[in-house]
């Protein structure tokens, strides 16, 4: 399992175009948010904490996403990137989720 979020996190601006399908990853993030919040009435650029989220839900979301992605995700990632779009970009930017070099 990869550790993600403590050391060596790539900038969201450096996402690899050959990396993960961003729409699929974004959908995974949205599903976890909707499950935790018990509603899906939010946009991808809305702050999690402004739409009813709290730190306990963050822990639940990150544990589930980490299990799905095969990585240990630091909670700090969520606090620093608290919209669906921001979190998706930072997850996609990490080397653990990029396509292998050819």
PDB file of N, CA and C in Angstrom:
ATOM      1  N   UNK A   1       0.849  -1.178   0.000  1.00  0.00           N
ATOM      2  CA  UNK A   1       0.000   0.000   0.000  1.00  0.00           C
ATOM      3  C   UNK A   1       0.891   1.236   0.000  1.00  0.00           C
ATOM      4  N   UNK A   2       0.561   2.189  -0.808  1.00  0.00           N
ATOM      5  CA  UNK A   2       1.316   3.431  -0.904  1.00  0.00           C
ATOM      6  C   UNK A   2       0.872   4.413   0.156  1.00  0.00           C
ATOM      7  N   UNK A   3       1.847   5.154   0.718  1.00  0.00           N
ATOM      8  CA  UNK A   3       1.505   6.257   1.605  1.00  0.00           C
ATOM      9  C   UNK A   3       1.334   7.477   0.742  1.00  0.00           C
ATOM     10  N   UNK A   4       0.266   8.188   0.937  1.00  0.00           N
ATOM     11  CA  UNK A   4      -0.055   9.319   0.083  1.00  0.00           C
ATOM     12  C   UNK A   4      -0.412  10.501   0.952  1.00  0.00           C
ATOM     13  N   UNK A   5       0.282  11.600   0.742  1.00  0.00           N
ATOM     14  CA  UNK A   5      -0.095  12.815   1.423  1.00  0.00           C
ATOM     15  C   UNK A   5       0.884  13.274   2.464  1.00  0.00           C
ATOM     16  N   UNK A   6       1.866  12.447   2.807  1.00  0.00           N
ATOM     17  CA  UNK A   6       2.805  12.884   3.823  1.00  0.00           C
ATOM     18  C   UNK A   6       4.115  13.364   3.216  1.00  0.00           C
ATOM     19  N   UNK A   7       4.609  12.680   2.202  1.00  0.00           N
ATOM     20  CA  UNK A   7       5.869  13.058   1.564  1.00  0.00           C
ATOM     21  C   UNK A   7       5.727  12.888   0.063  1.00  0.00           C
ATOM     22  N   UNK A   8       6.258  13.822  -0.691  1.00  0.00           N
ATOM     23  CA  UNK A   8       6.338  13.653  -2.133  1.00  0.00           C
ATOM     24  C   UNK A   8       5.032  13.789  -2.880  1.00  0.00           C
ATOM     25  N   UNK A   9       4.109  14.562  -2.376  1.00  0.00           N
ATOM     26  CA  UNK A   9       2.853  14.757  -3.094  1.00  0.00           C
ATOM     27  C   UNK A   9       3.090  15.709  -4.248  1.00  0.00           C
ATOM     28  N   UNK A  10       2.738  15.281  -5.418  1.00  0.00           N
ATOM     29  CA  UNK A  10       2.900  16.122  -6.601  1.00  0.00           C
ATOM     30  C   UNK A  10       1.877  17.241  -6.586  1.00  0.00           C
ATOM     31  N   UNK A  11       2.226  18.327  -7.197  1.00  0.00           N
ATOM     32  CA  UNK A  11       1.303  19.445  -7.325  1.00  0.00           C
ATOM     33  C   UNK A  11       0.148  19.054  -8.230  1.00  0.00           C
ATOM     34  N   UNK A  12      -1.079  19.493  -7.896  1.00  0.00           N
ATOM     35  CA  UNK A  12      -2.212  19.183  -8.766  1.00  0.00           C
ATOM     36  C   UNK A  12      -2.025  19.702 -10.180  1.00  0.00           C
ATOM     37  N   UNK A  13      -1.163  20.689 -10.371  1.00  0.00           N
ATOM     38  CA  UNK A  13      -0.925  21.239 -11.700  1.00  0.00           C
ATOM     39  C   UNK A  13      -0.077  20.320 -12.571  1.00  0.00           C
ATOM     40  N   UNK A  14       0.476  19.264 -11.981  1.00  0.00           N
ATOM     41  CA  UNK A  14       1.374  18.382 -12.717  1.00  0.00           C
ATOM     42  C   UNK A  14       0.737  17.030 -13.011  1.00  0.00           C
ATOM     43  N   UNK A  15      -0.558  16.980 -13.141  1.00  0.00           N
ATOM     44  CA  UNK A  15      -1.233  15.716 -13.444  1.00  0.00           C
ATOM     45  C   UNK A  15      -0.778  15.200 -14.800  1.00  0.00           C
ATOM     46  N   UNK A  16      -0.570  13.913 -14.861  1.00  0.00           N
ATOM     47  CA  UNK A  16      -0.104  13.259 -16.077  1.00  0.00           C
ATOM     48  C   UNK A  16      -1.302  12.972 -16.980  1.00  0.00           C
ATOM     49  N   UNK A  17      -1.244  13.414 -18.226  1.00  0.00           N
ATOM     50  CA  UNK A  17      -2.354  13.183 -19.148  1.00  0.00           C
ATOM     51  C   UNK A  17      -2.554  11.703 -19.435  1.00  0.00           C
ATOM     52  N   UNK A  18      -1.513  10.884 -19.272  1.00  0.00           N
ATOM     53  CA  UNK A  18      -1.630   9.447 -19.486  1.00  0.00           C
ATOM     54  C   UNK A  18      -2.053   8.730 -18.214  1.00  0.00           C
ATOM     55  N   UNK A  19      -2.323   9.482 -17.172  1.00  0.00           N
ATOM     56  CA  UNK A  19      -2.660   8.913 -15.875  1.00  0.00           C
ATOM     57  C   UNK A  19      -4.106   8.441 -15.807  1.00  0.00           C
ATOM     58  N   UNK A  20      -4.649   8.439 -14.609  1.00  0.00           N
ATOM     59  CA  UNK A  20      -5.984   7.879 -14.405  1.00  0.00           C
ATOM     60  C   UNK A  20      -7.055   8.664 -15.141  1.00  0.00           C
ATOM     61  N   UNK A  21      -8.137   8.026 -15.383  1.00  0.00           N
ATOM     62  CA  UNK A  21      -9.283   8.684 -15.989  1.00  0.00           C
ATOM     63  C   UNK A  21      -9.858   9.641 -14.949  1.00  0.00           C
ATOM     64  N   UNK A  22      -9.674  10.938 -15.183  1.00  0.00           N
ATOM     65  CA  UNK A  22     -10.106  11.934 -14.205  1.00  0.00           C
ATOM     66  C   UNK A  22     -11.604  11.882 -13.951  1.00  0.00           C
ATOM     67  N   UNK A  23     -12.379  11.623 -14.967  1.00  0.00           N
ATOM     68  CA  UNK A  23     -13.831  11.575 -14.768  1.00  0.00           C
ATOM     69  C   UNK A  23     -14.228  10.397 -13.887  1.00  0.00           C
ATOM     70  N   UNK A  24     -13.568   9.262 -14.061  1.00  0.00           N
ATOM     71  CA  UNK A  24     -13.844   8.107 -13.216  1.00  0.00           C
ATOM     72  C   UNK A  24     -13.442   8.398 -11.773  1.00  0.00           C
ATOM     73  N   UNK A  25     -12.264   8.976 -11.593  1.00  0.00           N
ATOM     74  CA  UNK A  25     -11.796   9.323 -10.256  1.00  0.00           C
ATOM     75  C   UNK A  25     -12.723  10.364  -9.623  1.00  0.00           C
ATOM     76  N   UNK A  26     -13.117  11.375 -10.394  1.00  0.00           N
ATOM     77  CA  UNK A  26     -14.048  12.399  -9.894  1.00  0.00           C
ATOM     78  C   UNK A  26     -15.368  11.748  -9.470  1.00  0.00           C
ATOM     79  N   UNK A  27     -15.846  10.794 -10.247  1.00  0.00           N
ATOM     80  CA  UNK A  27     -17.088  10.093  -9.904  1.00  0.00           C
ATOM     81  C   UNK A  27     -16.940   9.326  -8.591  1.00  0.00           C
ATOM     82  N   UNK A  28     -15.784   8.692  -8.388  1.00  0.00           N
ATOM     83  CA  UNK A  28     -15.538   7.983  -7.132  1.00  0.00           C
ATOM     84  C   UNK A  28     -15.576   8.952  -5.955  1.00  0.00           C
ATOM     85  N   UNK A  29     -14.930  10.094  -6.108  1.00  0.00           N
ATOM     86  CA  UNK A  29     -14.912  11.096  -5.040  1.00  0.00           C
ATOM     87  C   UNK A  29     -16.341  11.575  -4.770  1.00  0.00           C
ATOM     88  N   UNK A  30     -17.085  11.881  -5.823  1.00  0.00           N
ATOM     89  CA  UNK A  30     -18.477  12.360  -5.660  1.00  0.00           C
ATOM     90  C   UNK A  30     -19.350  11.326  -4.941  1.00  0.00           C
ATOM     91  N   UNK A  31     -19.214  10.062  -5.296  1.00  0.00           N
ATOM     92  CA  UNK A  31     -20.009   9.008  -4.658  1.00  0.00           C
ATOM     93  C   UNK A  31     -19.706   8.954  -3.166  1.00  0.00           C
ATOM     94  N   UNK A  32     -18.436   9.030  -2.807  1.00  0.00           N
ATOM     95  CA  UNK A  32     -18.074   8.979  -1.391  1.00  0.00           C
ATOM     96  C   UNK A  32     -18.607  10.189  -0.631  1.00  0.00           C
ATOM     97  N   UNK A  33     -18.523  11.360  -1.257  1.00  0.00           N
ATOM     98  CA  UNK A  33     -19.085  12.560  -0.623  1.00  0.00           C
ATOM     99  C   UNK A  33     -20.586  12.392  -0.425  1.00  0.00           C
ATOM    100  N   UNK A  34     -21.290  11.971  -1.468  1.00  0.00           N
ATOM    101  CA  UNK A  34     -22.748  11.827  -1.390  1.00  0.00           C
ATOM    102  C   UNK A  34     -23.145  10.800  -0.328  1.00  0.00           C
ATOM    103  N   UNK A  35     -22.418   9.694  -0.261  1.00  0.00           N
ATOM    104  CA  UNK A  35     -22.708   8.682   0.757  1.00  0.00           C
ATOM    105  C   UNK A  35     -22.509   9.249   2.159  1.00  0.00           C
ATOM    106  N   UNK A  36     -21.417   9.950   2.369  1.00  0.00           N
ATOM    107  CA  UNK A  36     -21.112  10.501   3.692  1.00  0.00           C
ATOM    108  C   UNK A  36     -22.092  11.609   4.084  1.00  0.00           C
ATOM    109  N   UNK A  37     -22.407  12.483   3.134  1.00  0.00           N
ATOM    110  CA  UNK A  37     -23.291  13.618   3.412  1.00  0.00           C
ATOM    111  C   UNK A  37     -24.773  13.241   3.395  1.00  0.00           C
ATOM    112  N   UNK A  38     -25.066  12.069   2.830  1.00  0.00           N
ATOM    113  CA  UNK A  38     -26.435  11.587   2.665  1.00  0.00           C
ATOM    114  C   UNK A  38     -27.256  12.501   1.764  1.00  0.00           C
ATOM    115  N   UNK A  39     -26.580  13.128   0.818  1.00  0.00           N
ATOM    116  CA  UNK A  39     -27.239  13.894  -0.246  1.00  0.00           C
ATOM    117  C   UNK A  39     -26.222  14.141  -1.352  1.00  0.00           C
ATOM    118  N   UNK A  40     -26.717  14.445  -2.537  1.00  0.00           N
ATOM    119  CA  UNK A  40     -25.811  14.720  -3.659  1.00  0.00           C
ATOM    120  C   UNK A  40     -26.085  16.091  -4.267  1.00  0.00           C
ATOM    121  N   UNK A  41     -26.620  16.978  -3.454  1.00  0.00           N
ATOM    122  CA  UNK A  41     -26.954  18.328  -3.898  1.00  0.00           C
ATOM    123  C   UNK A  41     -25.761  19.265  -3.679  1.00  0.00           C
ATOM    124  N   UNK A  42     -24.701  19.036  -4.445  1.00  0.00           N
ATOM    125  CA  UNK A  42     -23.513  19.881  -4.348  1.00  0.00           C
ATOM    126  C   UNK A  42     -22.798  19.880  -5.689  1.00  0.00           C
ATOM    127  N   UNK A  43     -22.074  20.956  -5.928  1.00  0.00           N
ATOM    128  CA  UNK A  43     -21.280  21.063  -7.145  1.00  0.00           C
ATOM    129  C   UNK A  43     -19.843  20.643  -6.888  1.00  0.00           C
ATOM    130  N   UNK A  44     -19.111  20.403  -7.941  1.00  0.00           N
ATOM    131  CA  UNK A  44     -17.735  19.930  -7.820  1.00  0.00           C
ATOM    132  C   UNK A  44     -16.771  20.984  -7.294  1.00  0.00           C
ATOM    133  N   UNK A  45     -17.193  22.240  -7.247  1.00  0.00           N
ATOM    134  CA  UNK A  45     -16.338  23.301  -6.719  1.00  0.00           C
ATOM    135  C   UNK A  45     -16.830  23.845  -5.382  1.00  0.00           C
ATOM    136  N   UNK A  46     -17.793  23.174  -4.768  1.00  0.00           N
ATOM    137  CA  UNK A  46     -18.280  23.607  -3.456  1.00  0.00           C
ATOM    138  C   UNK A  46     -17.420  22.998  -2.360  1.00  0.00           C
ATOM    139  N   UNK A  47     -17.170  23.796  -1.323  1.00  0.00           N
ATOM    140  CA  UNK A  47     -16.364  23.348  -0.194  1.00  0.00           C
ATOM    141  C   UNK A  47     -17.164  22.351   0.652  1.00  0.00           C
ATOM    142  N   UNK A  48     -16.544  21.225   0.942  1.00  0.00           N
ATOM    143  CA  UNK A  48     -17.177  20.147   1.695  1.00  0.00           C
ATOM    144  C   UNK A  48     -17.753  20.632   3.024  1.00  0.00           C
ATOM    145  N   UNK A  49     -17.015  21.489   3.710  1.00  0.00           N
ATOM    146  CA  UNK A  49     -17.425  21.930   5.036  1.00  0.00           C
ATOM    147  C   UNK A  49     -18.558  22.952   4.987  1.00  0.00           C
ATOM    148  N   UNK A  50     -18.765  23.559   3.843  1.00  0.00           N
ATOM    149  CA  UNK A  50     -19.860  24.523   3.683  1.00  0.00           C
ATOM    150  C   UNK A  50     -21.166  23.855   3.247  1.00  0.00           C
ATOM    151  N   UNK A  51     -21.097  22.569   2.917  1.00  0.00           N
ATOM    152  CA  UNK A  51     -22.308  21.853   2.488  1.00  0.00           C
ATOM    153  C   UNK A  51     -22.696  20.757   3.479  1.00  0.00           C
ATOM    154  N   UNK A  52     -22.202  20.876   4.716  1.00  0.00           N
ATOM    155  CA  UNK A  52     -22.617  19.954   5.764  1.00  0.00           C
ATOM    156  C   UNK A  52     -21.585  18.946   6.206  1.00  0.00           C
ATOM    157  N   UNK A  53     -20.387  18.985   5.637  1.00  0.00           N
ATOM    158  CA  UNK A  53     -19.350  18.029   5.999  1.00  0.00           C
ATOM    159  C   UNK A  53     -18.659  18.378   7.303  1.00  0.00           C
ATOM    160  N   UNK A  54     -18.025  17.374   7.908  1.00  0.00           N
ATOM    161  CA  UNK A  54     -17.248  17.569   9.134  1.00  0.00           C
ATOM    162  C   UNK A  54     -16.063  16.613   9.136  1.00  0.00           C
ATOM    163  N   UNK A  55     -15.204  16.753  10.130  1.00  0.00           N
ATOM    164  CA  UNK A  55     -13.962  15.979  10.147  1.00  0.00           C
ATOM    165  C   UNK A  55     -14.196  14.476  10.288  1.00  0.00           C
ATOM    166  N   UNK A  56     -15.247  14.065  10.969  1.00  0.00           N
ATOM    167  CA  UNK A  56     -15.536  12.632  11.074  1.00  0.00           C
ATOM    168  C   UNK A  56     -15.888  12.045   9.712  1.00  0.00           C
ATOM    169  N   UNK A  57     -16.631  12.807   8.924  1.00  0.00           N
ATOM    170  CA  UNK A  57     -16.970  12.354   7.573  1.00  0.00           C
ATOM    171  C   UNK A  57     -15.739  12.329   6.675  1.00  0.00           C
ATOM    172  N   UNK A  58     -14.817  13.273   6.886  1.00  0.00           N
ATOM    173  CA  UNK A  58     -13.565  13.276   6.122  1.00  0.00           C
ATOM    174  C   UNK A  58     -12.819  11.969   6.350  1.00  0.00           C
ATOM    175  N   UNK A  59     -12.716  11.543   7.605  1.00  0.00           N
ATOM    176  CA  UNK A  59     -12.010  10.298   7.925  1.00  0.00           C
ATOM    177  C   UNK A  59     -12.665   9.110   7.221  1.00  0.00           C
ATOM    178  N   UNK A  60     -13.985   9.082   7.218  1.00  0.00           N
ATOM    179  CA  UNK A  60     -14.725   8.004   6.548  1.00  0.00           C
ATOM    180  C   UNK A  60     -14.463   8.006   5.039  1.00  0.00           C
ATOM    181  N   UNK A  61     -14.548   9.173   4.435  1.00  0.00           N
ATOM    182  CA  UNK A  61     -14.346   9.301   2.987  1.00  0.00           C
ATOM    183  C   UNK A  61     -12.932   8.887   2.594  1.00  0.00           C
ATOM    184  N   UNK A  62     -11.946   9.393   3.318  1.00  0.00           N
ATOM    185  CA  UNK A  62     -10.556   9.110   2.954  1.00  0.00           C
ATOM    186  C   UNK A  62     -10.206   7.642   3.173  1.00  0.00           C
ATOM    187  N   UNK A  63     -10.766   7.018   4.198  1.00  0.00           N
ATOM    188  CA  UNK A  63     -10.522   5.587   4.415  1.00  0.00           C
ATOM    189  C   UNK A  63     -11.106   4.769   3.265  1.00  0.00           C
ATOM    190  N   UNK A  64     -12.312   5.114   2.854  1.00  0.00           N
ATOM    191  CA  UNK A  64     -12.958   4.383   1.759  1.00  0.00           C
ATOM    192  C   UNK A  64     -12.230   4.605   0.439  1.00  0.00           C
ATOM    193  N   UNK A  65     -11.906   5.870   0.130  1.00  0.00           N
ATOM    194  CA  UNK A  65     -11.163   6.147  -1.107  1.00  0.00           C
ATOM    195  C   UNK A  65      -9.803   5.456  -1.090  1.00  0.00           C
ATOM    196  N   UNK A  66      -9.133   5.486   0.047  1.00  0.00           N
ATOM    197  CA  UNK A  66      -7.835   4.827   0.160  1.00  0.00           C
ATOM    198  C   UNK A  66      -7.931   3.336  -0.120  1.00  0.00           C
ATOM    199  N   UNK A  67      -8.962   2.702   0.421  1.00  0.00           N
ATOM    200  CA  UNK A  67      -9.162   1.269   0.177  1.00  0.00           C
ATOM    201  C   UNK A  67      -9.444   1.006  -1.300  1.00  0.00           C
ATOM    202  N   UNK A  68     -10.247   1.855  -1.920  1.00  0.00           N
ATOM    203  CA  UNK A  68     -10.569   1.686  -3.337  1.00  0.00           C
ATOM    204  C   UNK A  68      -9.349   1.892  -4.222  1.00  0.00           C
ATOM    205  N   UNK A  69      -8.488   2.828  -3.841  1.00  0.00           N
ATOM    206  CA  UNK A  69      -7.340   3.194  -4.674  1.00  0.00           C
ATOM    207  C   UNK A  69      -6.064   2.457  -4.291  1.00  0.00           C
ATOM    208  N   UNK A  70      -6.093   1.706  -3.200  1.00  0.00           N
ATOM    209  CA  UNK A  70      -4.914   0.972  -2.769  1.00  0.00           C
ATOM    210  C   UNK A  70      -3.816   1.859  -2.224  1.00  0.00           C
ATOM    211  N   UNK A  71      -4.204   2.922  -1.524  1.00  0.00           N
ATOM    212  CA  UNK A  71      -3.227   3.863  -0.973  1.00  0.00           C
ATOM    213  C   UNK A  71      -3.690   4.327   0.399  1.00  0.00           C
ATOM    214  N   UNK A  72      -2.740   4.641   1.244  1.00  0.00           N
ATOM    215  CA  UNK A  72      -3.059   5.232   2.538  1.00  0.00           C
ATOM    216  C   UNK A  72      -3.098   6.740   2.334  1.00  0.00           C
ATOM    217  N   UNK A  73      -4.265   7.333   2.445  1.00  0.00           N
ATOM    218  CA  UNK A  73      -4.453   8.753   2.162  1.00  0.00           C
ATOM    219  C   UNK A  73      -4.432   9.565   3.452  1.00  0.00           C
ATOM    220  N   UNK A  74      -3.584  10.562   3.492  1.00  0.00           N
ATOM    221  CA  UNK A  74      -3.508  11.448   4.651  1.00  0.00           C
ATOM    222  C   UNK A  74      -4.748  12.333   4.704  1.00  0.00           C
ATOM    223  N   UNK A  75      -5.321  12.477   5.886  1.00  0.00           N
ATOM    224  CA  UNK A  75      -6.498  13.329   6.048  1.00  0.00           C
ATOM    225  C   UNK A  75      -6.205  14.768   5.656  1.00  0.00           C
ATOM    226  N   UNK A  76      -4.957  15.189   5.850  1.00  0.00           N
ATOM    227  CA  UNK A  76      -4.559  16.564   5.530  1.00  0.00           C
ATOM    228  C   UNK A  76      -4.859  16.901   4.068  1.00  0.00           C
ATOM    229  N   UNK A  77      -4.755  15.914   3.188  1.00  0.00           N
ATOM    230  CA  UNK A  77      -5.063  16.149   1.770  1.00  0.00           C
ATOM    231  C   UNK A  77      -6.460  16.716   1.603  1.00  0.00           C
ATOM    232  N   UNK A  78      -7.390  16.151   2.340  1.00  0.00           N
ATOM    233  CA  UNK A  78      -8.778  16.590   2.223  1.00  0.00           C
ATOM    234  C   UNK A  78      -8.934  18.005   2.766  1.00  0.00           C
ATOM    235  N   UNK A  79      -8.320  18.274   3.915  1.00  0.00           N
ATOM    236  CA  UNK A  79      -8.445  19.605   4.514  1.00  0.00           C
ATOM    237  C   UNK A  79      -7.814  20.673   3.628  1.00  0.00           C
ATOM    238  N   UNK A  80      -6.765  20.319   2.914  1.00  0.00           N
ATOM    239  CA  UNK A  80      -6.099  21.265   2.012  1.00  0.00           C
ATOM    240  C   UNK A  80      -6.788  21.362   0.649  1.00  0.00           C
ATOM    241  N   UNK A  81      -7.581  20.368   0.297  1.00  0.00           N
ATOM    242  CA  UNK A  81      -8.233  20.292  -1.024  1.00  0.00           C
ATOM    243  C   UNK A  81      -9.676  19.840  -0.816  1.00  0.00           C
ATOM    244  N   UNK A  82     -10.521  20.743  -0.343  1.00  0.00           N
ATOM    245  CA  UNK A  82     -11.846  20.358   0.154  1.00  0.00           C
ATOM    246  C   UNK A  82     -12.995  20.552  -0.836  1.00  0.00           C
ATOM    247  N   UNK A  83     -12.676  20.520  -2.132  1.00  0.00           N
ATOM    248  CA  UNK A  83     -13.736  20.446  -3.144  1.00  0.00           C
ATOM    249  C   UNK A  83     -13.520  19.161  -3.941  1.00  0.00           C
ATOM    250  N   UNK A  84     -14.545  18.697  -4.597  1.00  0.00           N
ATOM    251  CA  UNK A  84     -14.428  17.484  -5.418  1.00  0.00           C
ATOM    252  C   UNK A  84     -13.336  17.668  -6.467  1.00  0.00           C
ATOM    253  N   UNK A  85     -13.349  18.798  -7.156  1.00  0.00           N
ATOM    254  CA  UNK A  85     -12.354  19.025  -8.213  1.00  0.00           C
ATOM    255  C   UNK A  85     -10.934  19.085  -7.669  1.00  0.00           C
ATOM    256  N   UNK A  86     -10.722  19.798  -6.567  1.00  0.00           N
ATOM    257  CA  UNK A  86      -9.374  19.899  -5.998  1.00  0.00           C
ATOM    258  C   UNK A  86      -8.871  18.540  -5.540  1.00  0.00           C
ATOM    259  N   UNK A  87      -9.698  17.801  -4.813  1.00  0.00           N
ATOM    260  CA  UNK A  87      -9.285  16.496  -4.308  1.00  0.00           C
ATOM    261  C   UNK A  87      -9.006  15.533  -5.461  1.00  0.00           C
ATOM    262  N   UNK A  88      -9.838  15.564  -6.478  1.00  0.00           N
ATOM    263  CA  UNK A  88      -9.628  14.705  -7.644  1.00  0.00           C
ATOM    264  C   UNK A  88      -8.287  15.015  -8.303  1.00  0.00           C
ATOM    265  N   UNK A  89      -7.989  16.292  -8.492  1.00  0.00           N
ATOM    266  CA  UNK A  89      -6.724  16.673  -9.145  1.00  0.00           C
ATOM    267  C   UNK A  89      -5.512  16.257  -8.322  1.00  0.00           C
ATOM    268  N   UNK A  90      -5.569  16.437  -7.018  1.00  0.00           N
ATOM    269  CA  UNK A  90      -4.409  16.082  -6.203  1.00  0.00           C
ATOM    270  C   UNK A  90      -4.230  14.564  -6.145  1.00  0.00           C
ATOM    271  N   UNK A  91      -5.312  13.820  -6.120  1.00  0.00           N
ATOM    272  CA  UNK A  91      -5.193  12.359  -6.157  1.00  0.00           C
ATOM    273  C   UNK A  91      -4.613  11.895  -7.490  1.00  0.00           C
ATOM    274  N   UNK A  92      -5.087  12.474  -8.579  1.00  0.00           N
ATOM    275  CA  UNK A  92      -4.607  12.095  -9.911  1.00  0.00           C
ATOM    276  C   UNK A  92      -3.151  12.478 -10.122  1.00  0.00           C
ATOM    277  N   UNK A  93      -2.695  13.531  -9.461  1.00  0.00           N
ATOM    278  CA  UNK A  93      -1.330  14.013  -9.647  1.00  0.00           C
ATOM    279  C   UNK A  93      -0.296  13.130  -8.962  1.00  0.00           C
ATOM    280  N   UNK A  94      -0.706  12.356  -8.004  1.00  0.00           N
ATOM    281  CA  UNK A  94       0.250  11.548  -7.253  1.00  0.00           C
ATOM    282  C   UNK A  94       0.801  10.419  -8.107  1.00  0.00           C
ATOM    283  N   UNK A  95       2.076  10.170  -7.987  1.00  0.00           N
ATOM    284  CA  UNK A  95       2.746   9.157  -8.812  1.00  0.00           C
ATOM    285  C   UNK A  95       2.141   7.769  -8.653  1.00  0.00           C
ATOM    286  N   UNK A  96       1.540   7.468  -7.530  1.00  0.00           N
ATOM    287  CA  UNK A  96       0.962   6.143  -7.316  1.00  0.00           C
ATOM    288  C   UNK A  96      -0.200   5.866  -8.260  1.00  0.00           C
ATOM    289  N   UNK A  97      -0.811   6.929  -8.795  1.00  0.00           N
ATOM    290  CA  UNK A  97      -1.982   6.759  -9.642  1.00  0.00           C
ATOM    291  C   UNK A  97      -1.692   7.012 -11.107  1.00  0.00           C
ATOM    292  N   UNK A  98      -0.450   7.292 -11.454  1.00  0.00           N
ATOM    293  CA  UNK A  98      -0.102   7.551 -12.853  1.00  0.00           C
ATOM    294  C   UNK A  98       0.136   6.246 -13.590  1.00  0.00           C
ATOM    295  N   UNK A  99      -0.055   6.305 -14.873  1.00  0.00           N
ATOM    296  CA  UNK A  99       0.204   5.123 -15.703  1.00  0.00           C
ATOM    297  C   UNK A  99       1.693   4.805 -15.667  1.00  0.00           C
ATOM    298  N   UNK A 100       2.063   3.531 -15.707  1.00  0.00           N
ATOM    299  CA  UNK A 100       3.479   3.166 -15.712  1.00  0.00           C
ATOM    300  C   UNK A 100       4.194   3.699 -16.956  1.00  0.00           C
ATOM    301  N   UNK A 101       5.473   3.995 -16.790  1.00  0.00           N
ATOM    302  CA  UNK A 101       6.285   4.491 -17.918  1.00  0.00           C
ATOM    303  C   UNK A 101       6.404   3.392 -18.963  1.00  0.00           C
ATOM    304  N   UNK A 102       6.451   3.807 -20.215  1.00  0.00           N
ATOM    305  CA  UNK A 102       6.553   2.826 -21.313  1.00  0.00           C
ATOM    306  C   UNK A 102       7.953   2.745 -21.829  1.00  0.00           C
TER     307      UNK A 102
END
